[in-house]
Amino acid sequence: ASIERVELPEDLAGTLRCRSSFARRGVILGGGFVDPGFRGHLTLCLTNAGREEIRIQEGERVVQIVLHEVLNADRAYAGRYQDSVGVVHTR
């Protein structure tokens, strides 16, 4: 999970992107959408499609978030991952 705690207002959504320094080494980020109104730590799905072993150090910048304005949002995120801390597994 991310170290950072994300808190988006109801009028912003986020798309996560793998930083190019990792993408060049074969790291693929799966998924990566942050709902408007989400609060909590982000669970990341990373796949190493490269040939070399990659170790990610705590605090290393792996992904970046692109923010998108949401117009006429009817409701904010209120799912089971709201206020998550650490990795939250699916049911």
PDB file of N, CA and C in Angstrom:
ATOM      1  N   ALA A   1       0.852  -1.186   0.000  1.00  0.00           N
ATOM      2  CA  ALA A   1       0.000   0.000   0.000  1.00  0.00           C
ATOM      3  C   ALA A   1       0.893   1.243   0.000  1.00  0.00           C
ATOM      4  N   SER A   2       0.312   2.338  -0.391  1.00  0.00           N
ATOM      5  CA  SER A   2       1.081   3.583  -0.426  1.00  0.00           C
ATOM      6  C   SER A   2       1.363   4.083   0.989  1.00  0.00           C
ATOM      7  N   ILE A   3       2.447   4.812   1.130  1.00  0.00           N
ATOM      8  CA  ILE A   3       2.758   5.464   2.401  1.00  0.00           C
ATOM      9  C   ILE A   3       1.828   6.658   2.577  1.00  0.00           C
ATOM     10  N   GLU A   4       1.578   7.339   1.471  1.00  0.00           N
ATOM     11  CA  GLU A   4       0.760   8.541   1.495  1.00  0.00           C
ATOM     12  C   GLU A   4      -0.711   8.196   1.702  1.00  0.00           C
ATOM     13  N   ARG A   5      -1.379   9.050   2.433  1.00  0.00           N
ATOM     14  CA  ARG A   5      -2.823   8.945   2.584  1.00  0.00           C
ATOM     15  C   ARG A   5      -3.431   9.933   1.600  1.00  0.00           C
ATOM     16  N   VAL A   6      -4.334   9.447   0.756  1.00  0.00           N
ATOM     17  CA  VAL A   6      -4.968  10.271  -0.271  1.00  0.00           C
ATOM     18  C   VAL A   6      -6.341  10.700   0.229  1.00  0.00           C
ATOM     19  N   GLU A   7      -6.700  11.936  -0.037  1.00  0.00           N
ATOM     20  CA  GLU A   7      -8.045  12.415   0.293  1.00  0.00           C
ATOM     21  C   GLU A   7      -8.500  13.327  -0.842  1.00  0.00           C
ATOM     22  N   LEU A   8      -9.371  12.793  -1.697  1.00  0.00           N
ATOM     23  CA  LEU A   8      -9.850  13.567  -2.841  1.00  0.00           C
ATOM     24  C   LEU A   8     -11.206  14.182  -2.529  1.00  0.00           C
ATOM     25  N   PRO A   9     -11.411  15.429  -2.937  1.00  0.00           N
ATOM     26  CA  PRO A   9     -12.745  16.013  -2.794  1.00  0.00           C
ATOM     27  C   PRO A   9     -13.696  15.374  -3.807  1.00  0.00           C
ATOM     28  N   GLU A  10     -14.972  15.663  -3.673  1.00  0.00           N
ATOM     29  CA  GLU A  10     -15.990  15.050  -4.532  1.00  0.00           C
ATOM     30  C   GLU A  10     -15.893  15.485  -5.989  1.00  0.00           C
ATOM     31  N   ASP A  11     -15.154  16.561  -6.273  1.00  0.00           N
ATOM     32  CA  ASP A  11     -15.063  17.038  -7.653  1.00  0.00           C
ATOM     33  C   ASP A  11     -13.730  16.680  -8.323  1.00  0.00           C
ATOM     34  N   LEU A  12     -12.949  15.767  -7.712  1.00  0.00           N
ATOM     35  CA  LEU A  12     -11.696  15.314  -8.317  1.00  0.00           C
ATOM     36  C   LEU A  12     -11.612  13.791  -8.300  1.00  0.00           C
ATOM     37  N   ALA A  13     -11.128  13.230  -9.406  1.00  0.00           N
ATOM     38  CA  ALA A  13     -10.815  11.803  -9.498  1.00  0.00           C
ATOM     39  C   ALA A  13      -9.337  11.710  -9.849  1.00  0.00           C
ATOM     40  N   GLY A  14      -8.760  10.550  -9.662  1.00  0.00           N
ATOM     41  CA  GLY A  14      -7.341  10.394  -9.957  1.00  0.00           C
ATOM     42  C   GLY A  14      -7.056   9.164 -10.792  1.00  0.00           C
ATOM     43  N   THR A  15      -6.068   9.273 -11.665  1.00  0.00           N
ATOM     44  CA  THR A  15      -5.559   8.140 -12.428  1.00  0.00           C
ATOM     45  C   THR A  15      -4.107   7.946 -12.004  1.00  0.00           C
ATOM     46  N   LEU A  16      -3.763   6.719 -11.628  1.00  0.00           N
ATOM     47  CA  LEU A  16      -2.389   6.421 -11.226  1.00  0.00           C
ATOM     48  C   LEU A  16      -1.587   5.974 -12.432  1.00  0.00           C
ATOM     49  N   ARG A  17      -0.362   6.443 -12.524  1.00  0.00           N
ATOM     50  CA  ARG A  17       0.547   6.095 -13.617  1.00  0.00           C
ATOM     51  C   ARG A  17       1.862   5.611 -13.023  1.00  0.00           C
ATOM     52  N   CYS A  18       2.434   4.594 -13.631  1.00  0.00           N
ATOM     53  CA  CYS A  18       3.754   4.114 -13.229  1.00  0.00           C
ATOM     54  C   CYS A  18       4.785   5.145 -13.697  1.00  0.00           C
ATOM     55  N   ARG A  19       5.711   5.499 -12.835  1.00  0.00           N
ATOM     56  CA  ARG A  19       6.752   6.446 -13.238  1.00  0.00           C
ATOM     57  C   ARG A  19       7.612   5.812 -14.319  1.00  0.00           C
ATOM     58  N   SER A  20       8.069   6.611 -15.253  1.00  0.00           N
ATOM     59  CA  SER A  20       8.789   6.082 -16.416  1.00  0.00           C
ATOM     60  C   SER A  20      10.068   5.343 -16.030  1.00  0.00           C
ATOM     61  N   SER A  21      10.705   5.741 -14.933  1.00  0.00           N
ATOM     62  CA  SER A  21      11.931   5.053 -14.518  1.00  0.00           C
ATOM     63  C   SER A  21      11.660   3.588 -14.175  1.00  0.00           C
ATOM     64  N   PHE A  22      10.469   3.275 -13.692  1.00  0.00           N
ATOM     65  CA  PHE A  22      10.096   1.885 -13.420  1.00  0.00           C
ATOM     66  C   PHE A  22       9.526   1.223 -14.666  1.00  0.00           C
ATOM     67  N   ALA A  23       8.751   1.952 -15.438  1.00  0.00           N
ATOM     68  CA  ALA A  23       8.162   1.386 -16.659  1.00  0.00           C
ATOM     69  C   ALA A  23       9.252   0.924 -17.622  1.00  0.00           C
ATOM     70  N   ARG A  24      10.351   1.661 -17.719  1.00  0.00           N
ATOM     71  CA  ARG A  24      11.462   1.274 -18.604  1.00  0.00           C
ATOM     72  C   ARG A  24      12.110  -0.039 -18.181  1.00  0.00           C
ATOM     73  N   ARG A  25      11.951  -0.398 -16.918  1.00  0.00           N
ATOM     74  CA  ARG A  25      12.525  -1.646 -16.399  1.00  0.00           C
ATOM     75  C   ARG A  25      11.518  -2.794 -16.439  1.00  0.00           C
ATOM     76  N   GLY A  26      10.319  -2.524 -16.971  1.00  0.00           N
ATOM     77  CA  GLY A  26       9.330  -3.581 -17.140  1.00  0.00           C
ATOM     78  C   GLY A  26       8.243  -3.631 -16.090  1.00  0.00           C
ATOM     79  N   VAL A  27       8.175  -2.634 -15.216  1.00  0.00           N
ATOM     80  CA  VAL A  27       7.131  -2.623 -14.190  1.00  0.00           C
ATOM     81  C   VAL A  27       5.826  -2.133 -14.804  1.00  0.00           C
ATOM     82  N   ILE A  28       4.757  -2.881 -14.555  1.00  0.00           N
ATOM     83  CA  ILE A  28       3.429  -2.534 -15.060  1.00  0.00           C
ATOM     84  C   ILE A  28       2.521  -2.280 -13.863  1.00  0.00           C
ATOM     85  N   LEU A  29       1.802  -1.173 -13.899  1.00  0.00           N
ATOM     86  CA  LEU A  29       0.832  -0.838 -12.860  1.00  0.00           C
ATOM     87  C   LEU A  29      -0.545  -1.245 -13.347  1.00  0.00           C
ATOM     88  N   GLY A  30      -1.196  -2.134 -12.632  1.00  0.00           N
ATOM     89  CA  GLY A  30      -2.543  -2.569 -12.999  1.00  0.00           C
ATOM     90  C   GLY A  30      -3.586  -1.680 -12.355  1.00  0.00           C
ATOM     91  N   GLY A  31      -4.646  -1.416 -13.079  1.00  0.00           N
ATOM     92  CA  GLY A  31      -5.712  -0.570 -12.525  1.00  0.00           C
ATOM     93  C   GLY A  31      -5.225   0.842 -12.356  1.00  0.00           C
ATOM     94  N   GLY A  32      -5.633   1.436 -11.278  1.00  0.00           N
ATOM     95  CA  GLY A  32      -5.104   2.747 -10.974  1.00  0.00           C
ATOM     96  C   GLY A  32      -6.081   3.890 -11.091  1.00  0.00           C
ATOM     97  N   PHE A  33      -7.346   3.684 -10.696  1.00  0.00           N
ATOM     98  CA  PHE A  33      -8.319   4.775 -10.684  1.00  0.00           C
ATOM     99  C   PHE A  33      -8.670   5.077  -9.238  1.00  0.00           C
ATOM    100  N   VAL A  34      -8.703   6.358  -8.893  1.00  0.00           N
ATOM    101  CA  VAL A  34      -9.072   6.783  -7.545  1.00  0.00           C
ATOM    102  C   VAL A  34     -10.388   7.543  -7.656  1.00  0.00           C
ATOM    103  N   ASP A  35     -11.408   7.030  -6.991  1.00  0.00           N
ATOM    104  CA  ASP A  35     -12.751   7.607  -7.079  1.00  0.00           C
ATOM    105  C   ASP A  35     -12.840   8.977  -6.420  1.00  0.00           C
ATOM    106  N   PRO A  36     -13.743   9.839  -6.935  1.00  0.00           N
ATOM    107  CA  PRO A  36     -13.994  11.119  -6.277  1.00  0.00           C
ATOM    108  C   PRO A  36     -14.447  10.878  -4.837  1.00  0.00           C
ATOM    109  N   GLY A  37     -13.910  11.641  -3.906  1.00  0.00           N
ATOM    110  CA  GLY A  37     -14.294  11.514  -2.504  1.00  0.00           C
ATOM    111  C   GLY A  37     -13.570  10.417  -1.741  1.00  0.00           C
ATOM    112  N   PHE A  38     -12.649   9.688  -2.393  1.00  0.00           N
ATOM    113  CA  PHE A  38     -11.934   8.603  -1.702  1.00  0.00           C
ATOM    114  C   PHE A  38     -10.977   9.166  -0.669  1.00  0.00           C
ATOM    115  N   ARG A  39     -10.897   8.474   0.477  1.00  0.00           N
ATOM    116  CA  ARG A  39      -9.930   8.796   1.528  1.00  0.00           C
ATOM    117  C   ARG A  39      -9.236   7.507   1.942  1.00  0.00           C
ATOM    118  N   GLY A  40      -7.930   7.540   2.061  1.00  0.00           N
ATOM    119  CA  GLY A  40      -7.207   6.375   2.566  1.00  0.00           C
ATOM    120  C   GLY A  40      -5.910   6.129   1.825  1.00  0.00           C
ATOM    121  N   HIS A  41      -5.302   4.995   2.141  1.00  0.00           N
ATOM    122  CA  HIS A  41      -4.069   4.573   1.481  1.00  0.00           C
ATOM    123  C   HIS A  41      -4.438   3.775   0.235  1.00  0.00           C
ATOM    124  N   LEU A  42      -3.624   3.866  -0.792  1.00  0.00           N
ATOM    125  CA  LEU A  42      -3.905   3.187  -2.055  1.00  0.00           C
ATOM    126  C   LEU A  42      -3.207   1.835  -2.101  1.00  0.00           C
ATOM    127  N   THR A  43      -3.937   0.803  -2.507  1.00  0.00           N
ATOM    128  CA  THR A  43      -3.346  -0.504  -2.732  1.00  0.00           C
ATOM    129  C   THR A  43      -2.912  -0.559  -4.186  1.00  0.00           C
ATOM    130  N   LEU A  44      -1.647  -0.868  -4.420  1.00  0.00           N
ATOM    131  CA  LEU A  44      -1.090  -0.874  -5.768  1.00  0.00           C
ATOM    132  C   LEU A  44      -0.899  -2.302  -6.251  1.00  0.00           C
ATOM    133  N   CYS A  45      -1.208  -2.536  -7.514  1.00  0.00           N
ATOM    134  CA  CYS A  45      -0.986  -3.837  -8.145  1.00  0.00           C
ATOM    135  C   CYS A  45       0.144  -3.655  -9.155  1.00  0.00           C
ATOM    136  N   LEU A  46       1.340  -4.096  -8.783  1.00  0.00           N
ATOM    137  CA  LEU A  46       2.517  -3.940  -9.635  1.00  0.00           C
ATOM    138  C   LEU A  46       2.962  -5.301 -10.145  1.00  0.00           C
ATOM    139  N   THR A  47       3.307  -5.367 -11.431  1.00  0.00           N
ATOM    140  CA  THR A  47       3.807  -6.591 -12.046  1.00  0.00           C
ATOM    141  C   THR A  47       5.160  -6.303 -12.674  1.00  0.00           C
ATOM    142  N   ASN A  48       6.114  -7.179 -12.440  1.00  0.00           N
ATOM    143  CA  ASN A  48       7.426  -7.048 -13.059  1.00  0.00           C
ATOM    144  C   ASN A  48       7.442  -7.924 -14.310  1.00  0.00           C
ATOM    145  N   ALA A  49       7.334  -7.300 -15.475  1.00  0.00           N
ATOM    146  CA  ALA A  49       7.373  -8.022 -16.747  1.00  0.00           C
ATOM    147  C   ALA A  49       8.781  -8.035 -17.336  1.00  0.00           C
ATOM    148  N   GLY A  50       9.727  -7.462 -16.613  1.00  0.00           N
ATOM    149  CA  GLY A  50      11.108  -7.419 -17.085  1.00  0.00           C
ATOM    150  C   GLY A  50      11.878  -8.666 -16.697  1.00  0.00           C
ATOM    151  N   ARG A  51      13.152  -8.679 -17.054  1.00  0.00           N
ATOM    152  CA  ARG A  51      14.009  -9.846 -16.804  1.00  0.00           C
ATOM    153  C   ARG A  51      14.762  -9.743 -15.479  1.00  0.00           C
ATOM    154  N   GLU A  52      14.944  -8.539 -14.979  1.00  0.00           N
ATOM    155  CA  GLU A  52      15.733  -8.372 -13.762  1.00  0.00           C
ATOM    156  C   GLU A  52      14.839  -8.279 -12.523  1.00  0.00           C
ATOM    157  N   GLU A  53      15.375  -8.703 -11.396  1.00  0.00           N
ATOM    158  CA  GLU A  53      14.663  -8.554 -10.128  1.00  0.00           C
ATOM    159  C   GLU A  53      14.665  -7.079  -9.758  1.00  0.00           C
ATOM    160  N   ILE A  54      13.536  -6.595  -9.297  1.00  0.00           N
ATOM    161  CA  ILE A  54      13.424  -5.195  -8.903  1.00  0.00           C
ATOM    162  C   ILE A  54      12.983  -5.146  -7.447  1.00  0.00           C
ATOM    163  N   ARG A  55      13.754  -4.465  -6.649  1.00  0.00           N
ATOM    164  CA  ARG A  55      13.401  -4.279  -5.241  1.00  0.00           C
ATOM    165  C   ARG A  55      12.990  -2.822  -5.059  1.00  0.00           C
ATOM    166  N   ILE A  56      11.842  -2.641  -4.469  1.00  0.00           N
ATOM    167  CA  ILE A  56      11.335  -1.292  -4.231  1.00  0.00           C
ATOM    168  C   ILE A  56      11.596  -0.954  -2.770  1.00  0.00           C
ATOM    169  N   GLN A  57      12.307   0.131  -2.560  1.00  0.00           N
ATOM    170  CA  GLN A  57      12.643   0.567  -1.212  1.00  0.00           C
ATOM    171  C   GLN A  57      11.512   1.423  -0.642  1.00  0.00           C
ATOM    172  N   GLU A  58      11.325   1.352   0.654  1.00  0.00           N
ATOM    173  CA  GLU A  58      10.307   2.177   1.297  1.00  0.00           C
ATOM    174  C   GLU A  58      10.593   3.646   1.001  1.00  0.00           C
ATOM    175  N   GLY A  59       9.572   4.362   0.593  1.00  0.00           N
ATOM    176  CA  GLY A  59       9.711   5.774   0.273  1.00  0.00           C
ATOM    177  C   GLY A  59      10.082   6.058  -1.169  1.00  0.00           C
ATOM    178  N   GLU A  60      10.391   5.010  -1.933  1.00  0.00           N
ATOM    179  CA  GLU A  60      10.756   5.198  -3.337  1.00  0.00           C
ATOM    180  C   GLU A  60       9.517   5.593  -4.145  1.00  0.00           C
ATOM    181  N   ARG A  61       9.686   6.536  -5.048  1.00  0.00           N
ATOM    182  CA  ARG A  61       8.561   7.024  -5.853  1.00  0.00           C
ATOM    183  C   ARG A  61       8.340   6.092  -7.038  1.00  0.00           C
ATOM    184  N   VAL A  62       7.217   5.375  -7.010  1.00  0.00           N
ATOM    185  CA  VAL A  62       6.916   4.377  -8.032  1.00  0.00           C
ATOM    186  C   VAL A  62       5.790   4.843  -8.949  1.00  0.00           C
ATOM    187  N   VAL A  63       4.785   5.473  -8.383  1.00  0.00           N
ATOM    188  CA  VAL A  63       3.640   5.926  -9.177  1.00  0.00           C
ATOM    189  C   VAL A  63       3.416   7.417  -8.970  1.00  0.00           C
ATOM    190  N   GLN A  64       2.658   7.980  -9.891  1.00  0.00           N
ATOM    191  CA  GLN A  64       2.231   9.372  -9.770  1.00  0.00           C
ATOM    192  C   GLN A  64       0.742   9.417 -10.049  1.00  0.00           C
ATOM    193  N   ILE A  65       0.086  10.428  -9.544  1.00  0.00           N
ATOM    194  CA  ILE A  65      -1.360  10.549  -9.721  1.00  0.00           C
ATOM    195  C   ILE A  65      -1.659  11.755 -10.606  1.00  0.00           C
ATOM    196  N   VAL A  66      -2.527  11.545 -11.574  1.00  0.00           N
ATOM    197  CA  VAL A  66      -3.012  12.619 -12.438  1.00  0.00           C
ATOM    198  C   VAL A  66      -4.431  12.919 -11.976  1.00  0.00           C
ATOM    199  N   LEU A  67      -4.693  14.168 -11.643  1.00  0.00           N
ATOM    200  CA  LEU A  67      -6.010  14.547 -11.133  1.00  0.00           C
ATOM    201  C   LEU A  67      -6.907  15.028 -12.266  1.00  0.00           C
ATOM    202  N   HIS A  68      -8.178  14.645 -12.185  1.00  0.00           N
ATOM    203  CA  HIS A  68      -9.167  15.002 -13.199  1.00  0.00           C
ATOM    204  C   HIS A  68     -10.357  15.674 -12.520  1.00  0.00           C
ATOM    205  N   GLU A  69     -10.769  16.807 -13.066  1.00  0.00           N
ATOM    206  CA  GLU A  69     -11.949  17.480 -12.534  1.00  0.00           C
ATOM    207  C   GLU A  69     -13.202  16.700 -12.936  1.00  0.00           C
ATOM    208  N   VAL A  70     -14.089  16.504 -11.979  1.00  0.00           N
ATOM    209  CA  VAL A  70     -15.349  15.797 -12.222  1.00  0.00           C
ATOM    210  C   VAL A  70     -16.473  16.827 -12.169  1.00  0.00           C
ATOM    211  N   LEU A  71     -17.187  16.965 -13.272  1.00  0.00           N
ATOM    212  CA  LEU A  71     -18.300  17.907 -13.327  1.00  0.00           C
ATOM    213  C   LEU A  71     -19.602  17.181 -13.037  1.00  0.00           C
ATOM    214  N   ASN A  72     -20.480  17.811 -12.310  1.00  0.00           N
ATOM    215  CA  ASN A  72     -21.810  17.268 -12.008  1.00  0.00           C
ATOM    216  C   ASN A  72     -21.754  15.907 -11.323  1.00  0.00           C
ATOM    217  N   ALA A  73     -20.853  15.754 -10.373  1.00  0.00           N
ATOM    218  CA  ALA A  73     -20.768  14.486  -9.635  1.00  0.00           C
ATOM    219  C   ALA A  73     -22.029  14.300  -8.803  1.00  0.00           C
ATOM    220  N   ASP A  74     -22.615  13.100  -8.883  1.00  0.00           N
ATOM    221  CA  ASP A  74     -23.852  12.872  -8.140  1.00  0.00           C
ATOM    222  C   ASP A  74     -23.599  12.323  -6.738  1.00  0.00           C
ATOM    223  N   ARG A  75     -22.454  11.653  -6.516  1.00  0.00           N
ATOM    224  CA  ARG A  75     -22.143  11.168  -5.174  1.00  0.00           C
ATOM    225  C   ARG A  75     -20.659  10.839  -5.079  1.00  0.00           C
ATOM    226  N   ALA A  76     -20.151  10.927  -3.876  1.00  0.00           N
ATOM    227  CA  ALA A  76     -18.742  10.616  -3.628  1.00  0.00           C
ATOM    228  C   ALA A  76     -18.593   9.138  -3.289  1.00  0.00           C
ATOM    229  N   TYR A  77     -17.380   8.651  -3.348  1.00  0.00           N
ATOM    230  CA  TYR A  77     -17.083   7.262  -3.008  1.00  0.00           C
ATOM    231  C   TYR A  77     -17.428   6.997  -1.544  1.00  0.00           C
ATOM    232  N   ALA A  78     -18.087   5.887  -1.288  1.00  0.00           N
ATOM    233  CA  ALA A  78     -18.441   5.502   0.082  1.00  0.00           C
ATOM    234  C   ALA A  78     -18.331   3.989   0.253  1.00  0.00           C
ATOM    235  N   GLY A  79     -17.431   3.353  -0.508  1.00  0.00           N
ATOM    236  CA  GLY A  79     -17.289   1.900  -0.481  1.00  0.00           C
ATOM    237  C   GLY A  79     -16.483   1.383   0.700  1.00  0.00           C
ATOM    238  N   ARG A  80     -16.232   0.087   0.704  1.00  0.00           N
ATOM    239  CA  ARG A  80     -15.576  -0.573   1.835  1.00  0.00           C
ATOM    240  C   ARG A  80     -14.110  -0.184   2.004  1.00  0.00           C
ATOM    241  N   TYR A  81     -13.505   0.437   1.009  1.00  0.00           N
ATOM    242  CA  TYR A  81     -12.098   0.821   1.118  1.00  0.00           C
ATOM    243  C   TYR A  81     -11.921   2.246   1.648  1.00  0.00           C
ATOM    244  N   GLN A  82     -13.032   2.932   1.929  1.00  0.00           N
ATOM    245  CA  GLN A  82     -12.955   4.293   2.462  1.00  0.00           C
ATOM    246  C   GLN A  82     -12.195   4.268   3.788  1.00  0.00           C
ATOM    247  N   ASP A  83     -11.282   5.201   3.968  1.00  0.00           N
ATOM    248  CA  ASP A  83     -10.450   5.336   5.170  1.00  0.00           C
ATOM    249  C   ASP A  83      -9.535   4.128   5.385  1.00  0.00           C
ATOM    250  N   SER A  84      -9.159   3.456   4.310  1.00  0.00           N
ATOM    251  CA  SER A  84      -8.302   2.271   4.421  1.00  0.00           C
ATOM    252  C   SER A  84      -6.896   2.643   4.880  1.00  0.00           C
ATOM    253  N   VAL A  85      -6.293   1.709   5.595  1.00  0.00           N
ATOM    254  CA  VAL A  85      -4.909   1.833   6.041  1.00  0.00           C
ATOM    255  C   VAL A  85      -4.229   0.527   5.676  1.00  0.00           C
ATOM    256  N   GLY A  86      -3.139   0.602   4.915  1.00  0.00           N
ATOM    257  CA  GLY A  86      -2.461  -0.611   4.486  1.00  0.00           C
ATOM    258  C   GLY A  86      -3.229  -1.311   3.379  1.00  0.00           C
ATOM    259  N   VAL A  87      -2.833  -2.540   3.084  1.00  0.00           N
ATOM    260  CA  VAL A  87      -3.483  -3.312   2.028  1.00  0.00           C
ATOM    261  C   VAL A  87      -4.804  -3.851   2.551  1.00  0.00           C
ATOM    262  N   VAL A  88      -5.876  -3.620   1.789  1.00  0.00           N
ATOM    263  CA  VAL A  88      -7.189  -4.164   2.136  1.00  0.00           C
ATOM    264  C   VAL A  88      -7.522  -5.199   1.078  1.00  0.00           C
ATOM    265  N   HIS A  89      -7.664  -6.443   1.496  1.00  0.00           N
ATOM    266  CA  HIS A  89      -7.922  -7.535   0.556  1.00  0.00           C
ATOM    267  C   HIS A  89      -9.386  -7.556   0.135  1.00  0.00           C
ATOM    268  N   THR A  90      -9.635  -8.087  -1.070  1.00  0.00           N
ATOM    269  CA  THR A  90     -11.008  -8.237  -1.540  1.00  0.00           C
ATOM    270  C   THR A  90     -11.680  -9.356  -0.765  1.00  0.00           C
ATOM    271  N   ARG A  91     -12.975  -9.426  -0.887  1.00  0.00           N
ATOM    272  CA  ARG A  91     -13.731 -10.461  -0.156  1.00  0.00           C
ATOM    273  C   ARG A  91     -13.492 -11.821  -0.702  1.00  0.00           C
TER     274      ARG A  91
END
